[in-house]
């Protein structure tokens, strides 16, 4: 009998705690909802502006420009020779053999 009473008290305490948590959560939700006020009703403009098209076009132009500038920067500051002909032209010596270099990973 004492064991059943202990189990019942524990269950009551657990459910009481859960009820308090639920009430606290509901109070917080009510405060959150009540803290928002609508000042003006939303409306749709009669003629939508085409600003989005300009934003997309501007982004595309900026991306193309930055890509071309990066490619030019890398090509201008590249160290070494890319083709055997560049080496022959700069060193004024014939190239007898070419070893390709590949990075692993």
PDB file of N, CA and C in Angstrom:
ATOM      1  N   UNK A   1       0.810  -1.181   0.000  1.00  0.00           N
ATOM      2  CA  UNK A   1       0.000   0.000   0.000  1.00  0.00           C
ATOM      3  C   UNK A   1       0.869   1.267   0.000  1.00  0.00           C
ATOM      4  N   UNK A   2       1.940   1.283   0.784  1.00  0.00           N
ATOM      5  CA  UNK A   2       2.821   2.448   0.837  1.00  0.00           C
ATOM      6  C   UNK A   2       3.517   2.657  -0.502  1.00  0.00           C
ATOM      7  N   UNK A   3       3.836   1.555  -1.156  1.00  0.00           N
ATOM      8  CA  UNK A   3       4.512   1.657  -2.451  1.00  0.00           C
ATOM      9  C   UNK A   3       3.561   2.265  -3.485  1.00  0.00           C
ATOM     10  N   UNK A   4       2.290   1.872  -3.488  1.00  0.00           N
ATOM     11  CA  UNK A   4       1.314   2.440  -4.409  1.00  0.00           C
ATOM     12  C   UNK A   4       1.099   3.923  -4.126  1.00  0.00           C
ATOM     13  N   UNK A   5       1.095   4.267  -2.855  1.00  0.00           N
ATOM     14  CA  UNK A   5       0.940   5.665  -2.467  1.00  0.00           C
ATOM     15  C   UNK A   5       2.131   6.491  -2.961  1.00  0.00           C
ATOM     16  N   UNK A   6       3.335   5.939  -2.826  1.00  0.00           N
ATOM     17  CA  UNK A   6       4.554   6.618  -3.281  1.00  0.00           C
ATOM     18  C   UNK A   6       4.512   6.803  -4.797  1.00  0.00           C
ATOM     19  N   UNK A   7       4.095   5.775  -5.546  1.00  0.00           N
ATOM     20  CA  UNK A   7       4.008   5.863  -7.005  1.00  0.00           C
ATOM     21  C   UNK A   7       2.976   6.917  -7.395  1.00  0.00           C
ATOM     22  N   UNK A   8       1.836   6.920  -6.711  1.00  0.00           N
ATOM     23  CA  UNK A   8       0.787   7.898  -7.002  1.00  0.00           C
ATOM     24  C   UNK A   8       1.273   9.310  -6.711  1.00  0.00           C
ATOM     25  N   UNK A   9       1.993   9.520  -5.618  1.00  0.00           N
ATOM     26  CA  UNK A   9       2.533  10.846  -5.298  1.00  0.00           C
ATOM     27  C   UNK A   9       3.549  11.290  -6.341  1.00  0.00           C
ATOM     28  N   UNK A  10       4.412  10.381  -6.763  1.00  0.00           N
ATOM     29  CA  UNK A  10       5.404  10.711  -7.781  1.00  0.00           C
ATOM     30  C   UNK A  10       4.715  11.092  -9.094  1.00  0.00           C
ATOM     31  N   UNK A  11       3.700  10.321  -9.481  1.00  0.00           N
ATOM     32  CA  UNK A  11       2.969  10.614 -10.712  1.00  0.00           C
ATOM     33  C   UNK A  11       2.276  11.966 -10.601  1.00  0.00           C
ATOM     34  N   UNK A  12       1.658  12.234  -9.451  1.00  0.00           N
ATOM     35  CA  UNK A  12       0.992  13.514  -9.244  1.00  0.00           C
ATOM     36  C   UNK A  12       2.000  14.672  -9.342  1.00  0.00           C
ATOM     37  N   UNK A  13       3.152  14.498  -8.735  1.00  0.00           N
ATOM     38  CA  UNK A  13       4.186  15.536  -8.794  1.00  0.00           C
ATOM     39  C   UNK A  13       4.654  15.767 -10.227  1.00  0.00           C
ATOM     40  N   UNK A  14       4.822  14.689 -10.981  1.00  0.00           N
ATOM     41  CA  UNK A  14       5.263  14.805 -12.370  1.00  0.00           C
ATOM     42  C   UNK A  14       4.215  15.529 -13.201  1.00  0.00           C
ATOM     43  N   UNK A  15       2.959  15.124 -13.080  1.00  0.00           N
ATOM     44  CA  UNK A  15       1.901  15.761 -13.857  1.00  0.00           C
ATOM     45  C   UNK A  15       1.701  17.212 -13.444  1.00  0.00           C
ATOM     46  N   UNK A  16       1.844  17.508 -12.158  1.00  0.00           N
ATOM     47  CA  UNK A  16       1.735  18.874 -11.687  1.00  0.00           C
ATOM     48  C   UNK A  16       2.842  19.739 -12.292  1.00  0.00           C
ATOM     49  N   UNK A  17       4.057  19.190 -12.341  1.00  0.00           N
ATOM     50  CA  UNK A  17       5.193  19.912 -12.934  1.00  0.00           C
ATOM     51  C   UNK A  17       4.949  20.144 -14.425  1.00  0.00           C
ATOM     52  N   UNK A  18       4.452  19.141 -15.136  1.00  0.00           N
ATOM     53  CA  UNK A  18       4.173  19.276 -16.572  1.00  0.00           C
ATOM     54  C   UNK A  18       3.088  20.330 -16.801  1.00  0.00           C
ATOM     55  N   UNK A  19       2.059  20.364 -15.922  1.00  0.00           N
ATOM     56  CA  UNK A  19       1.005  21.353 -16.056  1.00  0.00           C
ATOM     57  C   UNK A  19       1.556  22.764 -15.858  1.00  0.00           C
ATOM     58  N   UNK A  20       2.444  22.941 -14.898  1.00  0.00           N
ATOM     59  CA  UNK A  20       3.069  24.250 -14.677  1.00  0.00           C
ATOM     60  C   UNK A  20       3.892  24.673 -15.894  1.00  0.00           C
ATOM     61  N   UNK A  21       4.629  23.728 -16.484  1.00  0.00           N
ATOM     62  CA  UNK A  21       5.422  24.033 -17.677  1.00  0.00           C
ATOM     63  C   UNK A  21       4.513  24.442 -18.831  1.00  0.00           C
ATOM     64  N   UNK A  22       3.395  23.713 -19.007  1.00  0.00           N
ATOM     65  CA  UNK A  22       2.475  24.029 -20.096  1.00  0.00           C
ATOM     66  C   UNK A  22       1.865  25.415 -19.903  1.00  0.00           C
ATOM     67  N   UNK A  23       1.494  25.751 -18.693  1.00  0.00           N
ATOM     68  CA  UNK A  23       0.928  27.078 -18.424  1.00  0.00           C
ATOM     69  C   UNK A  23       1.961  28.175 -18.690  1.00  0.00           C
ATOM     70  N   UNK A  24       3.184  27.929 -18.270  1.00  0.00           N
ATOM     71  CA  UNK A  24       4.246  28.914 -18.508  1.00  0.00           C
ATOM     72  C   UNK A  24       4.466  29.106 -20.008  1.00  0.00           C
ATOM     73  N   UNK A  25       4.483  28.004 -20.754  1.00  0.00           N
ATOM     74  CA  UNK A  25       4.667  28.086 -22.205  1.00  0.00           C
ATOM     75  C   UNK A  25       3.521  28.863 -22.848  1.00  0.00           C
ATOM     76  N   UNK A  26       2.272  28.582 -22.429  1.00  0.00           N
ATOM     77  CA  UNK A  26       1.124  29.301 -22.977  1.00  0.00           C
ATOM     78  C   UNK A  26       1.201  30.785 -22.657  1.00  0.00           C
ATOM     79  N   UNK A  27       1.622  31.133 -21.450  1.00  0.00           N
ATOM     80  CA  UNK A  27       1.775  32.542 -21.083  1.00  0.00           C
ATOM     81  C   UNK A  27       2.816  33.226 -21.960  1.00  0.00           C
ATOM     82  N   UNK A  28       3.923  32.544 -22.202  1.00  0.00           N
ATOM     83  CA  UNK A  28       4.975  33.112 -23.051  1.00  0.00           C
ATOM     84  C   UNK A  28       4.472  33.291 -24.482  1.00  0.00           C
ATOM     85  N   UNK A  29       3.732  32.320 -25.009  1.00  0.00           N
ATOM     86  CA  UNK A  29       3.186  32.434 -26.357  1.00  0.00           C
ATOM     87  C   UNK A  29       2.195  33.589 -26.448  1.00  0.00           C
ATOM     88  N   UNK A  30       1.358  33.747 -25.451  1.00  0.00           N
ATOM     89  CA  UNK A  30       0.383  34.831 -25.437  1.00  0.00           C
ATOM     90  C   UNK A  30       1.097  36.180 -25.427  1.00  0.00           C
ATOM     91  N   UNK A  31       2.147  36.307 -24.633  1.00  0.00           N
ATOM     92  CA  UNK A  31       2.915  37.561 -24.587  1.00  0.00           C
ATOM     93  C   UNK A  31       3.586  37.838 -25.922  1.00  0.00           C
ATOM     94  N   UNK A  32       4.100  36.789 -26.567  1.00  0.00           N
ATOM     95  CA  UNK A  32       4.760  36.968 -27.864  1.00  0.00           C
ATOM     96  C   UNK A  32       3.760  37.440 -28.902  1.00  0.00           C
ATOM     97  N   UNK A  33       2.584  36.841 -28.920  1.00  0.00           N
ATOM     98  CA  UNK A  33       1.573  37.218 -29.897  1.00  0.00           C
ATOM     99  C   UNK A  33       1.062  38.625 -29.612  1.00  0.00           C
ATOM    100  N   UNK A  34       0.886  38.969 -28.366  1.00  0.00           N
ATOM    101  CA  UNK A  34       0.366  40.283 -28.019  1.00  0.00           C
ATOM    102  C   UNK A  34       1.399  41.390 -28.203  1.00  0.00           C
ATOM    103  N   UNK A  35       2.669  41.044 -28.322  1.00  0.00           N
ATOM    104  CA  UNK A  35       3.692  42.065 -28.466  1.00  0.00           C
ATOM    105  C   UNK A  35       3.807  42.563 -29.905  1.00  0.00           C
ATOM    106  N   UNK A  36       3.088  41.932 -30.836  1.00  0.00           N
ATOM    107  CA  UNK A  36       3.133  42.343 -32.232  1.00  0.00           C
ATOM    108  C   UNK A  36       1.870  43.128 -32.541  1.00  0.00           C
ATOM    109  N   UNK A  37       2.057  44.331 -33.071  1.00  0.00           N
ATOM    110  CA  UNK A  37       0.917  45.149 -33.454  1.00  0.00           C
ATOM    111  C   UNK A  37       1.036  45.497 -34.923  1.00  0.00           C
ATOM    112  N   UNK A  38      -0.070  45.501 -35.627  1.00  0.00           N
ATOM    113  CA  UNK A  38      -0.065  45.859 -37.033  1.00  0.00           C
ATOM    114  C   UNK A  38      -0.387  47.335 -37.131  1.00  0.00           C
ATOM    115  N   UNK A  39       0.522  48.101 -37.670  1.00  0.00           N
ATOM    116  CA  UNK A  39       0.345  49.541 -37.781  1.00  0.00           C
ATOM    117  C   UNK A  39      -0.440  49.880 -39.043  1.00  0.00           C
ATOM    118  N   UNK A  40      -0.109  49.190 -40.147  1.00  0.00           N
ATOM    119  CA  UNK A  40      -0.775  49.475 -41.415  1.00  0.00           C
ATOM    120  C   UNK A  40      -1.030  48.147 -42.115  1.00  0.00           C
ATOM    121  N   UNK A  41      -2.179  47.996 -42.724  1.00  0.00           N
ATOM    122  CA  UNK A  41      -2.505  46.774 -43.448  1.00  0.00           C
ATOM    123  C   UNK A  41      -1.606  46.647 -44.679  1.00  0.00           C
ATOM    124  N   UNK A  42      -1.113  45.447 -44.979  1.00  0.00           N
ATOM    125  CA  UNK A  42      -0.260  45.278 -46.162  1.00  0.00           C
ATOM    126  C   UNK A  42      -1.081  45.419 -47.439  1.00  0.00           C
ATOM    127  N   UNK A  43      -0.483  46.061 -48.424  1.00  0.00           N
ATOM    128  CA  UNK A  43      -1.147  46.233 -49.716  1.00  0.00           C
ATOM    129  C   UNK A  43      -0.183  45.884 -50.831  1.00  0.00           C
ATOM    130  N   UNK A  44      -0.736  45.504 -51.959  1.00  0.00           N
ATOM    131  CA  UNK A  44       0.065  45.194 -53.140  1.00  0.00           C
ATOM    132  C   UNK A  44       0.034  46.407 -54.049  1.00  0.00           C
ATOM    133  N   UNK A  45       1.186  46.884 -54.533  1.00  0.00           N
ATOM    134  CA  UNK A  45       1.172  48.056 -55.407  1.00  0.00           C
ATOM    135  C   UNK A  45       0.451  47.739 -56.721  1.00  0.00           C
ATOM    136  N   UNK A  46      -0.219  48.729 -57.324  1.00  0.00           N
ATOM    137  CA  UNK A  46      -0.956  48.459 -58.563  1.00  0.00           C
ATOM    138  C   UNK A  46      -0.058  48.083 -59.732  1.00  0.00           C
ATOM    139  N   UNK A  47       1.104  48.688 -59.825  1.00  0.00           N
ATOM    140  CA  UNK A  47       2.045  48.313 -60.883  1.00  0.00           C
ATOM    141  C   UNK A  47       3.379  47.954 -60.226  1.00  0.00           C
ATOM    142  N   UNK A  48       3.707  46.666 -60.226  1.00  0.00           N
ATOM    143  CA  UNK A  48       4.956  46.247 -59.565  1.00  0.00           C
ATOM    144  C   UNK A  48       6.177  46.811 -60.294  1.00  0.00           C
ATOM    145  N   UNK A  49       7.165  47.208 -59.526  1.00  0.00           N
ATOM    146  CA  UNK A  49       8.373  47.778 -60.135  1.00  0.00           C
ATOM    147  C   UNK A  49       9.261  46.657 -60.656  1.00  0.00           C
ATOM    148  N   UNK A  50      10.086  46.992 -61.608  1.00  0.00           N
ATOM    149  CA  UNK A  50      10.975  46.011 -62.232  1.00  0.00           C
ATOM    150  C   UNK A  50      12.380  46.102 -61.643  1.00  0.00           C
ATOM    151  N   UNK A  51      12.457  46.461 -60.375  1.00  0.00           N
ATOM    152  CA  UNK A  51      13.758  46.608 -59.721  1.00  0.00           C
ATOM    153  C   UNK A  51      14.455  45.259 -59.592  1.00  0.00           C
ATOM    154  N   UNK A  52      13.696  44.173 -59.455  1.00  0.00           N
ATOM    155  CA  UNK A  52      14.308  42.853 -59.312  1.00  0.00           C
ATOM    156  C   UNK A  52      15.099  42.485 -60.553  1.00  0.00           C
ATOM    157  N   UNK A  53      14.597  42.833 -61.731  1.00  0.00           N
ATOM    158  CA  UNK A  53      15.314  42.559 -62.970  1.00  0.00           C
ATOM    159  C   UNK A  53      16.655  43.294 -62.977  1.00  0.00           C
ATOM    160  N   UNK A  54      16.655  44.536 -62.530  1.00  0.00           N
ATOM    161  CA  UNK A  54      17.902  45.308 -62.489  1.00  0.00           C
ATOM    162  C   UNK A  54      18.880  44.733 -61.474  1.00  0.00           C
ATOM    163  N   UNK A  55      18.373  44.233 -60.372  1.00  0.00           N
ATOM    164  CA  UNK A  55      19.245  43.628 -59.363  1.00  0.00           C
ATOM    165  C   UNK A  55      19.887  42.368 -59.921  1.00  0.00           C
ATOM    166  N   UNK A  56      19.116  41.537 -60.606  1.00  0.00           N
ATOM    167  CA  UNK A  56      19.655  40.309 -61.192  1.00  0.00           C
ATOM    168  C   UNK A  56      20.677  40.635 -62.272  1.00  0.00           C
ATOM    169  N   UNK A  57      20.353  41.587 -63.144  1.00  0.00           N
ATOM    170  CA  UNK A  57      21.303  41.963 -64.196  1.00  0.00           C
ATOM    171  C   UNK A  57      22.580  42.562 -63.613  1.00  0.00           C
ATOM    172  N   UNK A  58      22.439  43.393 -62.590  1.00  0.00           N
ATOM    173  CA  UNK A  58      23.623  43.971 -61.944  1.00  0.00           C
ATOM    174  C   UNK A  58      24.494  42.898 -61.304  1.00  0.00           C
ATOM    175  N   UNK A  59      23.862  41.929 -60.662  1.00  0.00           N
ATOM    176  CA  UNK A  59      24.618  40.826 -60.064  1.00  0.00           C
ATOM    177  C   UNK A  59      25.341  40.009 -61.110  1.00  0.00           C
ATOM    178  N   UNK A  60      24.687  39.754 -62.243  1.00  0.00           N
ATOM    179  CA  UNK A  60      25.321  38.984 -63.312  1.00  0.00           C
ATOM    180  C   UNK A  60      26.517  39.733 -63.892  1.00  0.00           C
ATOM    181  N   UNK A  61      26.366  41.035 -64.097  1.00  0.00           N
ATOM    182  CA  UNK A  61      27.474  41.843 -64.631  1.00  0.00           C
ATOM    183  C   UNK A  61      28.630  41.882 -63.640  1.00  0.00           C
ATOM    184  N   UNK A  62      28.315  42.060 -62.363  1.00  0.00           N
ATOM    185  CA  UNK A  62      29.370  42.093 -61.340  1.00  0.00           C
ATOM    186  C   UNK A  62      30.085  40.753 -61.257  1.00  0.00           C
ATOM    187  N   UNK A  63      29.352  39.649 -61.352  1.00  0.00           N
ATOM    188  CA  UNK A  63      29.978  38.326 -61.306  1.00  0.00           C
ATOM    189  C   UNK A  63      30.878  38.104 -62.514  1.00  0.00           C
ATOM    190  N   UNK A  64      30.412  38.491 -63.694  1.00  0.00           N
ATOM    191  CA  UNK A  64      31.227  38.342 -64.896  1.00  0.00           C
ATOM    192  C   UNK A  64      32.489  39.202 -64.814  1.00  0.00           C
ATOM    193  N   UNK A  65      32.342  40.434 -64.361  1.00  0.00           N
ATOM    194  CA  UNK A  65      33.493  41.327 -64.237  1.00  0.00           C
ATOM    195  C   UNK A  65      34.517  40.784 -63.242  1.00  0.00           C
ATOM    196  N   UNK A  66      34.043  40.331 -62.071  1.00  0.00           N
ATOM    197  CA  UNK A  66      34.983  39.824 -61.069  1.00  0.00           C
ATOM    198  C   UNK A  66      35.650  38.542 -61.540  1.00  0.00           C
ATOM    199  N   UNK A  67      34.947  37.708 -62.291  1.00  0.00           N
ATOM    200  CA  UNK A  67      35.553  36.489 -62.826  1.00  0.00           C
ATOM    201  C   UNK A  67      36.645  36.825 -63.830  1.00  0.00           C
ATOM    202  N   UNK A  68      36.366  37.747 -64.725  1.00  0.00           N
ATOM    203  CA  UNK A  68      37.370  38.129 -65.723  1.00  0.00           C
ATOM    204  C   UNK A  68      38.577  38.801 -65.074  1.00  0.00           C
ATOM    205  N   UNK A  69      38.349  39.634 -64.079  1.00  0.00           N
ATOM    206  CA  UNK A  69      39.456  40.293 -63.400  1.00  0.00           C
ATOM    207  C   UNK A  69      40.327  39.278 -62.656  1.00  0.00           C
ATOM    208  N   UNK A  70      39.696  38.297 -62.028  1.00  0.00           N
ATOM    209  CA  UNK A  70      40.464  37.261 -61.325  1.00  0.00           C
ATOM    210  C   UNK A  70      41.300  36.434 -62.310  1.00  0.00           C
ATOM    211  N   UNK A  71      40.721  36.095 -63.443  1.00  0.00           N
ATOM    212  CA  UNK A  71      41.464  35.339 -64.456  1.00  0.00           C
ATOM    213  C   UNK A  71      42.646  36.149 -64.977  1.00  0.00           C
ATOM    214  N   UNK A  72      42.432  37.446 -65.218  1.00  0.00           N
ATOM    215  CA  UNK A  72      43.526  38.291 -65.690  1.00  0.00           C
ATOM    216  C   UNK A  72      44.607  38.420 -64.622  1.00  0.00           C
ATOM    217  N   UNK A  73      44.198  38.563 -63.362  1.00  0.00           N
ATOM    218  CA  UNK A  73      45.151  38.685 -62.253  1.00  0.00           C
ATOM    219  C   UNK A  73      46.014  37.424 -62.143  1.00  0.00           C
ATOM    220  N   UNK A  74      45.392  36.267 -62.200  1.00  0.00           N
ATOM    221  CA  UNK A  74      46.124  35.002 -62.090  1.00  0.00           C
ATOM    222  C   UNK A  74      47.074  34.831 -63.272  1.00  0.00           C
ATOM    223  N   UNK A  75      46.613  35.171 -64.473  1.00  0.00           N
ATOM    224  CA  UNK A  75      47.457  35.022 -65.658  1.00  0.00           C
ATOM    225  C   UNK A  75      48.643  35.983 -65.606  1.00  0.00           C
ATOM    226  N   UNK A  76      48.433  37.195 -65.119  1.00  0.00           N
ATOM    227  CA  UNK A  76      49.505  38.191 -65.090  1.00  0.00           C
ATOM    228  C   UNK A  76      50.577  37.833 -64.060  1.00  0.00           C
ATOM    229  N   UNK A  77      50.177  37.316 -62.908  1.00  0.00           N
ATOM    230  CA  UNK A  77      51.134  37.034 -61.845  1.00  0.00           C
ATOM    231  C   UNK A  77      51.559  35.570 -61.780  1.00  0.00           C
ATOM    232  N   UNK A  78      51.304  34.821 -62.826  1.00  0.00           N
ATOM    233  CA  UNK A  78      51.709  33.416 -62.858  1.00  0.00           C
ATOM    234  C   UNK A  78      53.228  33.312 -62.927  1.00  0.00           C
ATOM    235  N   UNK A  79      53.760  32.410 -62.119  1.00  0.00           N
ATOM    236  CA  UNK A  79      55.206  32.189 -62.126  1.00  0.00           C
ATOM    237  C   UNK A  79      55.476  30.884 -62.861  1.00  0.00           C
ATOM    238  N   UNK A  80      56.504  30.881 -63.681  1.00  0.00           N
ATOM    239  CA  UNK A  80      56.885  29.670 -64.386  1.00  0.00           C
ATOM    240  C   UNK A  80      56.431  29.697 -65.838  1.00  0.00           C
ATOM    241  N   UNK A  81      56.620  28.568 -66.478  1.00  0.00           N
ATOM    242  CA  UNK A  81      56.299  28.433 -67.888  1.00  0.00           C
ATOM    243  C   UNK A  81      55.172  27.436 -68.041  1.00  0.00           C
ATOM    244  N   UNK A  82      54.284  27.726 -68.983  1.00  0.00           N
ATOM    245  CA  UNK A  82      53.139  26.859 -69.205  1.00  0.00           C
ATOM    246  C   UNK A  82      53.400  25.917 -70.381  1.00  0.00           C
ATOM    247  N   UNK A  83      54.026  26.422 -71.412  1.00  0.00           N
ATOM    248  CA  UNK A  83      54.290  25.600 -72.606  1.00  0.00           C
ATOM    249  C   UNK A  83      55.798  25.564 -72.879  1.00  0.00           C
ATOM    250  N   UNK A  84      56.240  24.516 -73.560  1.00  0.00           N
ATOM    251  CA  UNK A  84      57.662  24.459 -73.932  1.00  0.00           C
ATOM    252  C   UNK A  84      58.076  25.617 -74.838  1.00  0.00           C
ATOM    253  N   UNK A  85      57.162  26.110 -75.653  1.00  0.00           N
ATOM    254  CA  UNK A  85      57.479  27.225 -76.549  1.00  0.00           C
ATOM    255  C   UNK A  85      57.814  28.498 -75.752  1.00  0.00           C
ATOM    256  N   UNK A  86      57.123  28.733 -74.654  1.00  0.00           N
ATOM    257  CA  UNK A  86      57.448  29.886 -73.808  1.00  0.00           C
ATOM    258  C   UNK A  86      58.861  29.760 -73.265  1.00  0.00           C
ATOM    259  N   UNK A  87      59.220  28.580 -72.832  1.00  0.00           N
ATOM    260  CA  UNK A  87      60.563  28.347 -72.295  1.00  0.00           C
ATOM    261  C   UNK A  87      61.617  28.563 -73.365  1.00  0.00           C
ATOM    262  N   UNK A  88      61.416  28.037 -74.573  1.00  0.00           N
ATOM    263  CA  UNK A  88      62.373  28.225 -75.663  1.00  0.00           C
ATOM    264  C   UNK A  88      62.509  29.698 -76.019  1.00  0.00           C
ATOM    265  N   UNK A  89      61.385  30.405 -76.063  1.00  0.00           N
ATOM    266  CA  UNK A  89      61.415  31.815 -76.436  1.00  0.00           C
ATOM    267  C   UNK A  89      62.149  32.651 -75.387  1.00  0.00           C
ATOM    268  N   UNK A  90      61.896  32.411 -74.102  1.00  0.00           N
ATOM    269  CA  UNK A  90      62.506  33.227 -73.052  1.00  0.00           C
ATOM    270  C   UNK A  90      63.967  32.849 -72.794  1.00  0.00           C
ATOM    271  N   UNK A  91      64.317  31.584 -72.904  1.00  0.00           N
ATOM    272  CA  UNK A  91      65.684  31.143 -72.607  1.00  0.00           C
ATOM    273  C   UNK A  91      66.568  31.078 -73.849  1.00  0.00           C
ATOM    274  N   UNK A  92      65.984  31.193 -75.002  1.00  0.00           N
ATOM    275  CA  UNK A  92      66.687  31.073 -76.292  1.00  0.00           C
ATOM    276  C   UNK A  92      67.524  29.808 -76.351  1.00  0.00           C
ATOM    277  N   UNK A  93      66.971  28.734 -75.834  1.00  0.00           N
ATOM    278  CA  UNK A  93      67.591  27.418 -75.881  1.00  0.00           C
ATOM    279  C   UNK A  93      66.539  26.400 -76.299  1.00  0.00           C
ATOM    280  N   UNK A  94      66.945  25.353 -77.024  1.00  0.00           N
ATOM    281  CA  UNK A  94      65.957  24.352 -77.414  1.00  0.00           C
ATOM    282  C   UNK A  94      65.549  23.486 -76.213  1.00  0.00           C
ATOM    283  N   UNK A  95      64.302  23.073 -76.189  1.00  0.00           N
ATOM    284  CA  UNK A  95      63.790  22.195 -75.137  1.00  0.00           C
ATOM    285  C   UNK A  95      63.935  20.772 -75.633  1.00  0.00           C
ATOM    286  N   UNK A  96      64.662  19.958 -74.874  1.00  0.00           N
ATOM    287  CA  UNK A  96      64.896  18.577 -75.291  1.00  0.00           C
ATOM    288  C   UNK A  96      63.867  17.617 -74.705  1.00  0.00           C
ATOM    289  N   UNK A  97      63.362  17.879 -73.512  1.00  0.00           N
ATOM    290  CA  UNK A  97      62.384  16.990 -72.870  1.00  0.00           C
ATOM    291  C   UNK A  97      61.477  17.814 -71.961  1.00  0.00           C
ATOM    292  N   UNK A  98      60.275  17.303 -71.753  1.00  0.00           N
ATOM    293  CA  UNK A  98      59.301  17.975 -70.903  1.00  0.00           C
ATOM    294  C   UNK A  98      58.765  16.967 -69.906  1.00  0.00           C
ATOM    295  N   UNK A  99      58.833  17.312 -68.621  1.00  0.00           N
ATOM    296  CA  UNK A  99      58.265  16.475 -67.572  1.00  0.00           C
ATOM    297  C   UNK A  99      57.020  17.172 -67.038  1.00  0.00           C
ATOM    298  N   UNK A 100      55.907  16.476 -67.063  1.00  0.00           N
ATOM    299  CA  UNK A 100      54.680  17.098 -66.553  1.00  0.00           C
ATOM    300  C   UNK A 100      54.648  16.960 -65.034  1.00  0.00           C
ATOM    301  N   UNK A 101      54.091  17.941 -64.390  1.00  0.00           N
ATOM    302  CA  UNK A 101      53.999  17.962 -62.935  1.00  0.00           C
ATOM    303  C   UNK A 101      52.531  18.012 -62.535  1.00  0.00           C
ATOM    304  N   UNK A 102      52.112  17.053 -61.732  1.00  0.00           N
ATOM    305  CA  UNK A 102      50.730  17.038 -61.225  1.00  0.00           C
ATOM    306  C   UNK A 102      50.781  16.933 -59.723  1.00  0.00           C
ATOM    307  N   UNK A 103      49.982  17.774 -59.084  1.00  0.00           N
ATOM    308  CA  UNK A 103      49.889  17.715 -57.628  1.00  0.00           C
ATOM    309  C   UNK A 103      48.959  16.579 -57.235  1.00  0.00           C
ATOM    310  N   UNK A 104      49.346  15.869 -56.215  1.00  0.00           N
ATOM    311  CA  UNK A 104      48.507  14.780 -55.723  1.00  0.00           C
ATOM    312  C   UNK A 104      47.520  15.327 -54.722  1.00  0.00           C
ATOM    313  N   UNK A 105      46.251  14.919 -54.851  1.00  0.00           N
ATOM    314  CA  UNK A 105      45.236  15.303 -53.870  1.00  0.00           C
ATOM    315  C   UNK A 105      44.529  16.459 -54.272  1.00  0.00           C
TER     316      UNK A 105
END
